[in-house]
N, C-alpha and C. Protein backbone atom coordinates (compact mmCIF):
# COMPACT_ATOMS: atom_id res chain seq x y z
N MET A 1 -4.66 -23.78 5.97
CA MET A 1 -5.29 -22.89 4.66
C MET A 1 -4.17 -23.52 3.43
N ALA A 2 -4.76 -23.63 2.40
CA ALA A 2 -3.88 -23.79 1.30
C ALA A 2 -2.72 -22.83 0.72
N ALA A 3 -2.09 -23.29 0.02
CA ALA A 3 -1.18 -21.99 -0.50
C ALA A 3 -2.02 -21.62 -1.69
N ILE A 4 -1.75 -20.07 -1.83
CA ILE A 4 -2.46 -19.65 -2.95
C ILE A 4 -1.53 -19.63 -4.54
N ARG A 5 -2.13 -20.23 -5.37
CA ARG A 5 -1.40 -20.61 -6.42
C ARG A 5 -2.05 -19.86 -7.79
N GLU A 6 -1.05 -19.24 -8.43
CA GLU A 6 -0.95 -18.86 -9.96
C GLU A 6 -0.41 -19.25 -10.77
N THR A 7 -1.22 -19.61 -12.09
CA THR A 7 -0.29 -19.95 -13.38
C THR A 7 -0.40 -19.11 -14.55
N ILE A 8 0.50 -19.17 -14.95
CA ILE A 8 0.45 -18.23 -16.37
C ILE A 8 1.08 -18.87 -17.28
N ASP A 9 0.89 -18.47 -18.61
CA ASP A 9 1.64 -19.10 -20.14
C ASP A 9 2.38 -17.72 -20.46
N ILE A 10 3.69 -18.05 -20.54
CA ILE A 10 4.45 -16.87 -21.15
C ILE A 10 5.05 -17.24 -22.36
N ASP A 11 5.28 -16.43 -23.52
CA ASP A 11 5.93 -16.50 -24.88
C ASP A 11 7.40 -16.75 -24.53
N ARG A 12 8.14 -17.17 -23.64
CA ARG A 12 9.51 -17.44 -23.45
C ARG A 12 9.81 -18.55 -23.28
N THR A 13 11.06 -19.00 -23.19
CA THR A 13 11.51 -20.35 -23.11
C THR A 13 11.59 -20.46 -21.45
N PRO A 14 11.77 -21.64 -21.19
CA PRO A 14 11.66 -21.98 -19.68
C PRO A 14 13.17 -21.54 -19.02
N ALA A 15 14.05 -21.45 -19.47
CA ALA A 15 15.15 -20.66 -19.36
C ALA A 15 15.09 -19.00 -19.25
N GLU A 16 14.63 -18.33 -20.00
CA GLU A 16 14.43 -17.09 -20.05
C GLU A 16 13.62 -16.91 -18.87
N VAL A 17 12.30 -17.62 -18.30
CA VAL A 17 11.34 -17.07 -17.60
C VAL A 17 12.33 -17.53 -16.41
N TYR A 18 13.10 -18.82 -16.13
CA TYR A 18 13.93 -18.95 -15.14
C TYR A 18 14.67 -18.01 -14.34
N ALA A 19 15.47 -17.33 -15.56
CA ALA A 19 16.76 -16.47 -15.00
C ALA A 19 16.01 -15.40 -14.44
N TYR A 20 14.72 -14.88 -15.33
CA TYR A 20 14.48 -13.51 -14.62
C TYR A 20 13.56 -13.74 -13.44
N VAL A 21 12.69 -14.85 -12.96
CA VAL A 21 12.13 -14.70 -11.66
C VAL A 21 12.84 -15.22 -10.93
N THR A 22 14.06 -15.83 -10.86
CA THR A 22 14.91 -15.81 -9.71
C THR A 22 16.08 -15.10 -9.50
N ASP A 23 16.43 -13.62 -10.30
CA ASP A 23 17.17 -12.80 -10.15
C ASP A 23 16.46 -12.06 -9.07
N PRO A 24 16.53 -11.86 -8.06
CA PRO A 24 15.94 -11.06 -7.09
C PRO A 24 16.15 -9.49 -7.35
N SER A 25 16.95 -8.96 -8.51
CA SER A 25 17.18 -7.70 -8.69
C SER A 25 15.69 -7.34 -9.41
N HIS A 26 15.17 -8.22 -10.07
CA HIS A 26 14.07 -7.92 -11.08
C HIS A 26 12.74 -7.66 -10.14
N LEU A 27 12.78 -8.52 -8.78
CA LEU A 27 11.63 -8.25 -8.10
C LEU A 27 10.63 -7.06 -8.15
N PRO A 28 11.11 -5.92 -7.75
CA PRO A 28 10.38 -4.69 -7.73
C PRO A 28 9.86 -4.36 -9.19
N GLU A 29 10.74 -5.09 -10.30
CA GLU A 29 9.89 -4.60 -11.81
C GLU A 29 8.42 -5.30 -12.04
N TRP A 30 8.36 -6.48 -11.34
CA TRP A 30 7.15 -7.16 -11.61
C TRP A 30 6.15 -7.63 -10.38
N GLN A 31 6.84 -7.22 -9.42
CA GLN A 31 6.01 -7.67 -8.03
C GLN A 31 5.16 -6.09 -7.28
N GLN A 32 4.20 -6.01 -7.25
CA GLN A 32 3.64 -4.71 -7.06
C GLN A 32 4.31 -4.21 -5.42
N SER A 33 4.16 -5.12 -4.50
CA SER A 33 4.63 -4.87 -3.16
C SER A 33 5.96 -4.55 -3.18
N ALA A 34 6.82 -5.18 -4.04
CA ALA A 34 8.08 -5.50 -3.97
C ALA A 34 8.95 -3.93 -3.93
N VAL A 35 9.65 -3.34 -2.79
CA VAL A 35 10.35 -1.90 -3.02
C VAL A 35 11.72 -2.04 -3.35
N SER A 36 12.34 -3.24 -2.54
CA SER A 36 13.53 -3.64 -3.07
C SER A 36 13.97 -4.76 -2.77
N ALA A 37 14.91 -5.35 -3.47
CA ALA A 37 15.41 -7.25 -3.60
C ALA A 37 16.97 -7.00 -3.61
N ARG A 38 17.69 -7.70 -2.80
CA ARG A 38 19.03 -7.75 -2.88
C ARG A 38 19.59 -9.17 -2.37
N ARG A 39 20.54 -9.66 -2.98
CA ARG A 39 21.23 -10.73 -2.31
C ARG A 39 22.28 -10.27 -1.40
N LEU A 40 22.23 -11.18 -0.37
CA LEU A 40 23.35 -10.86 0.82
C LEU A 40 24.56 -11.51 0.81
N SER A 41 24.84 -11.58 -0.37
CA SER A 41 26.46 -12.49 -0.86
C SER A 41 26.57 -12.39 -2.19
N ASP A 42 27.72 -12.27 -2.48
CA ASP A 42 28.19 -12.06 -3.61
C ASP A 42 28.20 -13.37 -4.69
N ALA A 43 27.88 -14.64 -4.05
CA ALA A 43 28.33 -15.86 -4.78
C ALA A 43 26.89 -15.97 -5.62
N PRO A 44 27.07 -16.87 -6.70
CA PRO A 44 25.82 -17.07 -7.45
C PRO A 44 24.77 -17.60 -6.47
N MET A 45 23.36 -17.30 -7.06
CA MET A 45 22.31 -17.93 -6.76
C MET A 45 22.51 -19.54 -6.48
N GLY A 46 22.15 -19.90 -5.13
CA GLY A 46 21.89 -21.30 -5.14
C GLY A 46 21.14 -21.86 -3.80
N VAL A 47 21.61 -23.05 -3.34
CA VAL A 47 20.91 -23.39 -2.18
C VAL A 47 21.59 -22.86 -1.23
N GLY A 48 20.87 -21.69 0.13
CA GLY A 48 21.48 -21.46 1.15
C GLY A 48 21.40 -20.14 0.40
N SER A 49 21.48 -19.49 -0.56
CA SER A 49 21.58 -18.19 -0.90
C SER A 49 20.18 -17.35 0.12
N ARG A 50 20.75 -16.32 0.38
CA ARG A 50 19.45 -15.45 1.28
C ARG A 50 19.55 -14.11 0.37
N VAL A 51 18.57 -13.50 0.83
CA VAL A 51 18.17 -12.23 -0.07
C VAL A 51 17.14 -11.36 0.87
N SER A 52 17.49 -10.09 0.69
CA SER A 52 16.62 -9.01 1.65
C SER A 52 15.64 -8.64 0.89
N VAL A 53 14.35 -8.83 1.39
CA VAL A 53 13.47 -8.18 0.45
C VAL A 53 12.37 -7.20 1.29
N THR A 54 12.30 -5.94 0.89
CA THR A 54 11.49 -5.08 1.53
C THR A 54 10.21 -4.63 0.82
N ARG A 55 9.41 -5.16 1.11
CA ARG A 55 7.91 -4.75 0.89
C ARG A 55 7.16 -3.78 1.40
N ARG A 56 6.20 -3.43 0.73
CA ARG A 56 5.34 -1.85 1.03
C ARG A 56 3.82 -2.48 1.09
N MET A 57 3.45 -2.51 2.50
CA MET A 57 1.85 -2.97 2.61
C MET A 57 1.27 -1.69 3.33
N GLY A 58 0.46 -0.88 2.37
CA GLY A 58 -0.28 0.25 2.66
C GLY A 58 0.94 1.49 2.67
N LYS A 59 0.93 1.95 3.87
CA LYS A 59 1.75 3.21 4.00
C LYS A 59 3.22 2.67 4.57
N ARG A 60 3.22 1.50 4.95
CA ARG A 60 4.40 0.85 6.00
C ARG A 60 5.28 0.08 5.27
N GLU A 61 6.58 0.14 5.46
CA GLU A 61 7.08 -0.54 4.50
C GLU A 61 7.96 -2.03 5.65
N TYR A 62 8.14 -3.03 5.09
CA TYR A 62 8.73 -4.30 6.19
C TYR A 62 9.82 -5.03 5.23
N ALA A 63 10.95 -5.12 6.03
CA ALA A 63 12.18 -6.18 5.43
C ALA A 63 11.94 -7.44 5.91
N GLY A 64 12.19 -8.41 5.05
CA GLY A 64 12.36 -9.65 5.53
C GLY A 64 13.66 -10.59 4.88
N THR A 65 14.09 -11.44 5.22
CA THR A 65 14.83 -12.36 4.41
C THR A 65 14.57 -13.60 3.99
N MET A 66 14.82 -13.85 2.76
CA MET A 66 14.25 -15.06 2.45
C MET A 66 15.55 -16.11 1.59
N GLU A 67 15.60 -17.28 2.06
CA GLU A 67 16.59 -18.18 1.99
C GLU A 67 15.91 -19.30 0.93
N VAL A 68 16.78 -19.37 -0.12
CA VAL A 68 16.89 -20.63 -1.01
C VAL A 68 16.77 -21.77 -0.68
N THR A 69 15.81 -22.71 -0.62
CA THR A 69 15.85 -24.02 -0.25
C THR A 69 16.09 -24.97 -1.12
N ALA A 70 15.66 -24.83 -2.53
CA ALA A 70 15.97 -25.57 -3.52
C ALA A 70 16.06 -24.81 -4.80
N MET A 71 16.68 -25.44 -5.84
CA MET A 71 16.86 -25.01 -7.18
C MET A 71 17.10 -25.71 -8.13
N ASP A 72 16.52 -26.01 -8.90
CA ASP A 72 16.42 -27.15 -10.27
C ASP A 72 16.32 -25.87 -11.49
N PRO A 73 17.45 -25.76 -12.03
CA PRO A 73 17.28 -24.49 -13.53
C PRO A 73 16.96 -25.73 -14.47
N PRO A 74 16.07 -25.21 -15.64
CA PRO A 74 15.20 -24.26 -15.54
C PRO A 74 13.62 -24.71 -15.11
N ARG A 75 13.56 -25.42 -14.07
CA ARG A 75 12.34 -26.10 -13.71
C ARG A 75 11.76 -25.49 -12.55
N SER A 76 12.35 -25.26 -11.44
CA SER A 76 11.62 -25.02 -10.15
C SER A 76 12.77 -24.46 -9.35
N TRP A 77 12.06 -23.82 -8.06
CA TRP A 77 12.92 -23.28 -7.22
C TRP A 77 11.90 -23.26 -5.92
N HIS A 78 12.57 -22.91 -4.67
CA HIS A 78 11.83 -22.87 -3.36
C HIS A 78 12.37 -21.39 -2.11
N MET A 79 11.75 -20.81 -2.00
CA MET A 79 12.47 -20.25 -0.85
C MET A 79 11.46 -19.93 0.27
N HIS A 80 11.98 -19.98 1.34
CA HIS A 80 11.51 -19.28 2.68
C HIS A 80 11.84 -18.21 3.41
N GLY A 81 11.13 -17.76 4.00
CA GLY A 81 11.13 -16.31 4.89
C GLY A 81 11.83 -17.08 6.37
N VAL A 82 12.84 -16.50 6.92
CA VAL A 82 13.72 -17.17 7.93
C VAL A 82 13.76 -16.23 9.04
N ASP A 83 12.87 -15.23 8.84
CA ASP A 83 12.78 -13.90 10.03
C ASP A 83 11.58 -13.12 10.00
N GLY A 84 11.02 -12.20 10.87
CA GLY A 84 9.97 -11.57 10.76
C GLY A 84 8.73 -12.30 11.38
N PRO A 85 7.56 -11.43 11.50
CA PRO A 85 6.64 -12.01 12.07
C PRO A 85 5.77 -12.81 11.07
N VAL A 86 5.87 -12.30 9.66
CA VAL A 86 5.42 -13.10 8.60
C VAL A 86 6.29 -13.73 7.61
N ARG A 87 6.37 -15.03 7.39
CA ARG A 87 7.35 -15.50 6.64
C ARG A 87 6.86 -16.30 5.39
N PRO A 88 7.33 -15.81 4.20
CA PRO A 88 6.63 -16.51 2.96
C PRO A 88 7.10 -17.64 2.74
N ASP A 89 6.49 -18.48 2.01
CA ASP A 89 7.27 -19.87 1.51
C ASP A 89 6.69 -19.65 0.27
N VAL A 90 7.60 -19.71 -1.11
CA VAL A 90 7.44 -19.44 -2.02
C VAL A 90 8.24 -20.46 -3.12
N GLN A 91 7.08 -21.65 -3.99
CA GLN A 91 7.70 -22.25 -4.65
C GLN A 91 7.12 -22.20 -6.09
N GLY A 92 8.14 -21.91 -7.07
CA GLY A 92 7.73 -22.01 -8.38
C GLY A 92 8.10 -23.14 -9.25
N THR A 93 7.30 -23.48 -10.27
CA THR A 93 7.92 -24.35 -11.26
C THR A 93 7.42 -23.90 -12.36
N ILE A 94 8.30 -24.38 -13.54
CA ILE A 94 8.12 -23.57 -14.80
C ILE A 94 8.00 -24.97 -15.86
N GLU A 95 7.18 -25.27 -16.77
CA GLU A 95 6.60 -26.07 -17.39
C GLU A 95 6.89 -25.77 -19.05
N PRO A 96 7.60 -26.63 -19.96
CA PRO A 96 8.03 -26.01 -21.46
C PRO A 96 6.72 -26.20 -22.04
N LEU A 97 6.42 -25.62 -22.87
CA LEU A 97 5.14 -25.38 -23.67
C LEU A 97 5.96 -25.11 -25.15
N ALA A 98 4.94 -25.67 -26.02
CA ALA A 98 5.09 -25.55 -27.69
C ALA A 98 6.52 -25.83 -27.89
N ASP A 99 6.89 -27.01 -28.09
CA ASP A 99 8.40 -27.75 -27.82
C ASP A 99 9.15 -26.77 -27.41
N GLY A 100 9.21 -25.90 -26.21
CA GLY A 100 10.34 -25.33 -25.52
C GLY A 100 10.24 -23.98 -25.87
N THR A 101 9.31 -23.54 -26.53
CA THR A 101 9.57 -22.16 -26.97
C THR A 101 8.93 -21.09 -26.16
N ALA A 102 7.71 -21.70 -25.24
CA ALA A 102 7.07 -21.04 -24.24
C ALA A 102 7.01 -21.95 -23.13
N SER A 103 6.35 -21.20 -21.84
CA SER A 103 6.47 -21.69 -20.73
C SER A 103 5.27 -21.83 -19.75
N ARG A 104 4.84 -22.64 -19.13
CA ARG A 104 3.87 -22.39 -18.12
C ARG A 104 4.35 -22.02 -16.41
N LEU A 105 4.33 -21.11 -15.84
CA LEU A 105 4.74 -20.81 -14.65
C LEU A 105 3.55 -20.73 -13.92
N THR A 106 4.12 -21.44 -12.62
CA THR A 106 3.00 -21.71 -11.69
C THR A 106 3.96 -21.38 -10.36
N ILE A 107 3.27 -20.42 -9.34
CA ILE A 107 4.13 -19.79 -8.40
C ILE A 107 2.78 -20.07 -7.12
N ASP A 108 3.41 -20.85 -6.37
CA ASP A 108 2.34 -21.19 -5.08
C ASP A 108 3.36 -20.51 -3.74
N LEU A 109 2.21 -20.07 -3.04
CA LEU A 109 2.81 -19.09 -2.14
C LEU A 109 2.05 -19.32 -0.49
N ASP A 110 2.57 -19.34 0.11
CA ASP A 110 2.02 -19.70 1.62
C ASP A 110 2.53 -18.83 2.75
N PHE A 111 2.05 -18.78 3.91
CA PHE A 111 2.72 -17.77 4.72
C PHE A 111 2.42 -18.36 6.12
N GLU A 112 3.85 -18.26 7.01
CA GLU A 112 3.73 -18.60 8.36
C GLU A 112 3.74 -17.56 9.24
N GLY A 113 3.04 -17.66 10.10
CA GLY A 113 2.87 -16.22 11.09
C GLY A 113 3.65 -16.74 12.36
N HIS A 114 4.43 -15.63 12.60
CA HIS A 114 4.82 -15.71 14.23
C HIS A 114 4.68 -14.73 14.77
N GLY A 115 4.61 -14.70 16.25
CA GLY A 115 3.99 -13.74 17.37
C GLY A 115 2.74 -13.02 16.43
N MET A 116 2.66 -11.74 16.56
CA MET A 116 1.85 -11.15 16.00
C MET A 116 1.33 -11.38 14.59
N GLY A 117 2.45 -12.06 13.80
CA GLY A 117 2.08 -12.48 12.35
C GLY A 117 0.96 -13.30 12.36
N ARG A 118 0.82 -14.35 13.28
CA ARG A 118 -0.38 -15.07 13.49
C ARG A 118 -1.51 -14.51 13.23
N ALA A 119 -1.75 -13.41 13.91
CA ALA A 119 -3.17 -12.68 13.45
C ALA A 119 -3.00 -12.17 11.89
N LEU A 120 -1.97 -11.54 11.40
CA LEU A 120 -1.85 -10.71 10.42
C LEU A 120 -2.01 -11.37 8.86
N VAL A 121 -1.85 -12.86 8.92
CA VAL A 121 -1.47 -13.75 7.95
C VAL A 121 -3.03 -14.04 7.40
N PRO A 122 -3.98 -14.48 8.59
CA PRO A 122 -5.13 -14.79 7.65
C PRO A 122 -6.08 -13.41 7.06
N PHE A 123 -5.90 -12.49 7.70
CA PHE A 123 -6.99 -11.03 7.89
C PHE A 123 -6.33 -10.36 6.77
N VAL A 124 -5.10 -9.98 6.78
CA VAL A 124 -4.29 -9.07 6.14
C VAL A 124 -3.31 -9.71 4.88
N ILE A 125 -2.55 -10.50 5.49
CA ILE A 125 -1.09 -10.83 4.59
C ILE A 125 -2.17 -11.73 3.46
N ARG A 126 -2.82 -12.58 3.87
CA ARG A 126 -3.10 -13.66 2.66
C ARG A 126 -4.11 -13.02 2.06
N PRO A 127 -5.22 -12.04 2.01
CA PRO A 127 -6.05 -11.48 1.28
C PRO A 127 -5.14 -10.76 -0.02
N HIS A 128 -4.37 -9.91 1.12
CA HIS A 128 -3.34 -8.85 0.20
C HIS A 128 -2.65 -9.84 -1.12
N ALA A 129 -2.21 -10.65 -0.80
CA ALA A 129 -1.07 -11.39 -1.41
C ALA A 129 -2.41 -12.10 -2.52
N ARG A 130 -3.11 -12.48 -2.33
CA ARG A 130 -4.32 -13.41 -3.26
C ARG A 130 -4.61 -12.24 -4.48
N ARG A 131 -5.20 -11.28 -3.91
CA ARG A 131 -5.32 -9.91 -4.82
C ARG A 131 -3.78 -9.80 -5.87
N GLU A 132 -2.76 -9.52 -5.20
CA GLU A 132 -1.83 -9.30 -5.97
C GLU A 132 -1.08 -10.07 -6.62
N MET A 133 -1.11 -11.46 -6.28
CA MET A 133 -0.27 -12.65 -7.40
C MET A 133 -0.92 -12.48 -8.86
N ALA A 134 -2.02 -12.36 -9.08
CA ALA A 134 -2.63 -12.44 -10.60
C ALA A 134 -2.01 -11.47 -11.20
N LEU A 135 -2.15 -10.15 -10.74
CA LEU A 135 -1.84 -9.06 -11.18
C LEU A 135 0.06 -8.83 -11.47
N ASN A 136 0.71 -9.40 -10.55
CA ASN A 136 2.20 -9.87 -10.88
C ASN A 136 2.33 -10.47 -11.74
N GLU A 137 1.83 -11.84 -11.96
CA GLU A 137 2.02 -12.48 -12.97
C GLU A 137 1.53 -12.01 -14.70
N ALA A 138 0.81 -11.38 -14.66
CA ALA A 138 0.24 -10.52 -15.77
C ALA A 138 1.11 -9.62 -16.24
N LYS A 139 1.85 -8.94 -15.06
CA LYS A 139 3.18 -7.98 -15.48
C LYS A 139 4.37 -8.48 -15.64
N LEU A 140 4.60 -9.64 -14.98
CA LEU A 140 5.92 -10.52 -15.44
C LEU A 140 5.71 -10.94 -17.09
N LYS A 141 4.54 -11.57 -17.34
CA LYS A 141 4.18 -12.04 -18.55
C LYS A 141 4.35 -10.68 -19.64
N LEU A 142 4.14 -9.30 -19.37
CA LEU A 142 4.16 -8.38 -20.26
C LEU A 142 5.53 -7.96 -20.33
N ILE A 143 6.37 -8.15 -19.08
CA ILE A 143 7.78 -7.62 -19.37
C ILE A 143 8.56 -8.66 -20.24
N LEU A 144 8.40 -10.03 -19.98
CA LEU A 144 9.18 -10.89 -20.61
C LEU A 144 8.72 -11.19 -22.22
N GLU A 145 7.29 -11.02 -22.22
CA GLU A 145 7.39 -11.04 -23.83
C GLU A 145 7.57 -9.78 -24.59
N ASN A 146 7.73 -8.66 -23.93
CA ASN A 146 8.18 -7.44 -24.54
C ASN A 146 9.57 -7.34 -24.74
N ARG A 147 10.30 -8.07 -24.02
CA ARG A 147 11.84 -7.74 -23.89
C ARG A 147 12.43 -8.03 -25.33
């Protein structure tokens, strides 16, 4: 199944958008299901960095670890889940618009199911994520444009 893709234009520079979306501490501010997110080391974010993310689905909370597999500031990043039954794969790209004063953010989200996660991904996780992604990007736009 193809990744879920959402794109939105934001009236902020690519550097501003990139700095905000790649800072794990901001995830709960703009992602509806994110309860908490924290880096697992004090080192600057880069390839190999790991982030613990707790998400709420219904009444349950699930923690997972994401690892940064690529970073190209302020253009792109890639993170992949490394544990748990559902492992997200997130790729983000930022294109400059309006001579670099605005940005087009595209996020591709896919999932890899392990064990019971194989059954959850197509029937629970993917539909939930598809509904949430457009809302998340709209909230991100609102936050960044009103900063």
